[in-house]
Amino acid sequence: MQVNLAEVAYAGFWVRFFASVLDSIVQLLIFVPLLLAVFGSEIFVNPAFDSGYSGIVIQYLLPMLWVVLFWKYKSATPGKIMMGMSIVDATTGGAPSTTRLVMRYFGYLVSFIPCLLGFFWVGWDKRKRGFHDMIANTVVIMNPPTTAQLKM
């Protein structure tokens, strides 16, 4: 998918916020049962519980793979798909490279650290980019309506 960046609508703060909420719900529905199946309820009730390397894989590596693979093959996470958005390269309007998508994922840490300022920045930036978008040179756009949607 290649888009003309001069003709797109950038996804703003609130639509991206709601997409994040939807993504969180979807991930909870998948990863909480997985954690329960592997570790039992002890992982949720005992703060001293050590899940070891398998816990690191389930709690950190699998969610990262989930997000990056959705970005790579669908240009968006499930929440962004439901809200009609796509992630594209900020220079070309094409699909970002896998390296840029991984940079974007780790850029969330940079957006998070200064009191979530990198996420709030979406509300002030003219292209609606957070710090993570700037790091990875990506933008989040609203998908144009399809012909079927226009006929409704």
Protein backbone atom coordinates (compact mmCIF):
# COMPACT_ATOMS: atom_id res chain seq x y z
CA MET A 1 0.00 0.00 0.00
CA GLN A 2 1.41 3.37 -1.03
CA VAL A 3 -0.42 6.56 -0.12
CA ASN A 4 0.03 10.15 -1.18
CA LEU A 5 0.93 11.88 2.09
CA ALA A 6 -0.33 15.22 0.76
CA GLU A 7 -3.87 13.82 0.62
CA VAL A 8 -4.15 11.85 3.88
CA ALA A 9 -5.81 12.63 7.17
CA TYR A 10 -3.49 11.99 10.09
CA ALA A 11 -4.93 10.07 13.03
CA GLY A 12 -5.22 12.34 16.05
CA PHE A 13 -4.76 11.78 19.74
CA TRP A 14 -8.24 10.56 20.73
CA VAL A 15 -8.76 8.07 17.93
CA ARG A 16 -5.30 6.63 18.66
CA PHE A 17 -6.08 6.57 22.38
CA PHE A 18 -9.27 4.54 21.79
CA ALA A 19 -7.38 2.20 19.45
CA SER A 20 -4.86 1.62 22.27
CA VAL A 21 -7.70 0.80 24.66
CA LEU A 22 -9.09 -1.72 22.15
CA ASP A 23 -5.61 -3.22 21.69
CA SER A 24 -5.21 -3.56 25.45
CA ILE A 25 -8.52 -5.40 25.72
CA VAL A 26 -7.61 -7.78 22.86
CA GLN A 27 -4.19 -8.49 24.37
CA LEU A 28 -5.67 -9.07 27.83
CA LEU A 29 -8.14 -11.57 26.35
CA ILE A 30 -5.23 -13.49 24.83
CA PHE A 31 -2.35 -13.18 27.29
CA VAL A 32 -4.16 -13.43 30.66
CA PRO A 33 -5.56 -16.90 29.87
CA LEU A 34 -2.12 -17.91 28.58
CA LEU A 35 -0.49 -16.75 31.83
CA LEU A 36 -3.15 -18.57 33.85
CA ALA A 37 -2.64 -21.77 31.84
CA VAL A 38 1.13 -21.70 32.30
CA PHE A 39 1.50 -20.34 35.85
CA GLY A 40 -1.92 -20.55 37.49
CA SER A 41 -3.43 -17.72 39.50
CA GLU A 42 -0.27 -17.45 41.62
CA ILE A 43 1.24 -15.05 39.08
CA PHE A 44 -1.56 -12.54 39.77
CA VAL A 45 -1.88 -12.85 43.54
CA ASN A 46 1.71 -13.29 44.75
CA PRO A 47 3.92 -10.21 44.18
CA ALA A 48 7.01 -12.30 44.94
CA PHE A 49 6.17 -14.91 42.27
CA ASP A 50 9.10 -15.51 39.91
CA SER A 51 7.89 -16.62 36.49
CA GLY A 52 11.44 -17.09 35.20
CA TYR A 53 12.39 -17.00 31.55
CA SER A 54 9.05 -18.36 30.38
CA GLY A 55 7.35 -15.42 32.09
CA ILE A 56 9.64 -13.00 30.27
CA VAL A 57 8.73 -14.64 26.98
CA ILE A 58 4.98 -14.56 27.64
CA GLN A 59 4.84 -11.10 29.24
CA TYR A 60 7.32 -9.23 27.05
CA LEU A 61 8.50 -11.09 23.95
CA LEU A 62 5.13 -12.45 22.74
CA PRO A 63 3.34 -9.07 23.06
CA MET A 64 6.21 -7.40 21.17
CA LEU A 65 6.02 -10.01 18.40
CA TRP A 66 2.23 -9.65 18.34
CA VAL A 67 2.41 -5.89 17.81
CA VAL A 68 5.32 -5.82 15.34
CA LEU A 69 3.87 -8.65 13.23
CA PHE A 70 0.47 -6.93 13.06
CA TRP A 71 2.21 -3.70 12.04
CA LYS A 72 4.23 -5.59 9.42
CA TYR A 73 1.44 -7.64 7.82
CA LYS A 74 -1.68 -5.52 8.48
CA SER A 75 -0.11 -2.02 8.80
CA ALA A 76 -1.91 -1.68 12.14
CA THR A 77 -2.77 -3.44 15.38
CA PRO A 78 -6.32 -4.78 15.83
CA GLY A 79 -7.39 -1.58 17.61
CA LYS A 80 -6.08 0.61 14.81
CA ILE A 81 -7.73 -1.66 12.23
CA MET A 82 -11.08 -1.33 14.06
CA MET A 83 -10.68 2.46 14.15
CA GLY A 84 -9.72 2.65 10.44
CA MET A 85 -6.04 3.55 10.71
CA SER A 86 -2.75 2.45 9.16
CA ILE A 87 0.92 3.03 9.95
CA VAL A 88 2.99 4.21 6.98
CA ASP A 89 6.48 5.53 6.33
CA ALA A 90 6.48 9.29 6.96
CA THR A 91 8.65 10.01 3.89
CA THR A 92 7.34 7.67 1.20
CA GLY A 93 3.80 6.80 2.33
CA GLY A 94 4.68 3.14 1.85
CA ALA A 95 5.04 0.30 4.30
CA PRO A 96 7.76 0.88 6.93
CA SER A 97 10.61 -1.63 7.11
CA THR A 98 10.64 -4.22 9.86
CA THR A 99 13.62 -2.43 11.40
CA ARG A 100 11.63 0.81 11.58
CA LEU A 101 8.68 -1.03 13.13
CA VAL A 102 10.91 -2.52 15.84
CA MET A 103 12.35 0.97 16.42
CA ARG A 104 8.78 2.26 16.74
CA TYR A 105 7.96 -0.39 19.33
CA PHE A 106 10.99 0.46 21.48
CA GLY A 107 10.25 4.13 20.86
CA TYR A 108 7.18 3.60 23.05
CA LEU A 109 9.60 3.54 25.99
CA VAL A 110 10.89 6.96 24.97
CA SER A 111 7.31 8.23 24.65
CA PHE A 112 6.43 6.76 28.05
CA ILE A 113 9.39 7.88 30.17
CA PRO A 114 8.78 11.66 30.34
CA CYS A 115 5.33 11.38 31.99
CA LEU A 116 3.74 10.08 28.77
CA LEU A 117 4.73 13.28 26.96
CA GLY A 118 5.66 11.35 23.81
CA PHE A 119 2.09 10.08 23.51
CA PHE A 120 0.49 13.43 24.31
CA TRP A 121 2.74 14.99 21.65
CA VAL A 122 0.36 13.47 19.07
CA GLY A 123 -2.12 16.17 20.06
CA TRP A 124 0.29 19.01 19.29
CA ASP A 125 2.30 17.79 16.29
CA LYS A 126 1.06 18.98 12.88
CA ARG A 127 1.39 15.43 11.48
CA LYS A 128 0.02 13.91 14.71
CA ARG A 129 3.27 12.05 15.47
CA GLY A 130 4.36 10.85 18.88
CA PHE A 131 8.01 10.50 19.85
CA HIS A 132 7.90 6.84 18.79
CA ASP A 133 6.68 7.89 15.33
CA MET A 134 9.47 10.45 15.05
CA ILE A 135 12.08 7.88 16.08
CA ALA A 136 10.86 5.39 13.46
CA ASN A 137 9.90 7.99 10.82
CA THR A 138 6.30 6.79 10.66
CA VAL A 139 2.88 8.42 10.64
CA VAL A 140 -0.53 7.02 11.51
CA ILE A 141 -3.16 7.85 8.92
CA MET A 142 -6.89 7.43 8.68
CA ASN A 143 -7.74 4.98 5.91
CA PRO A 144 -9.85 6.47 3.12
CA PRO A 145 -13.35 5.01 2.90
CA THR A 146 -13.82 2.12 0.49
CA THR A 147 -16.27 2.25 -2.42
CA ALA A 148 -18.65 -0.04 -0.51
CA GLN A 149 -18.59 2.32 2.49
CA LEU A 150 -19.31 5.32 0.27
CA LYS A 151 -22.38 3.61 -1.21
CA MET A 152 -23.96 3.10 2.23
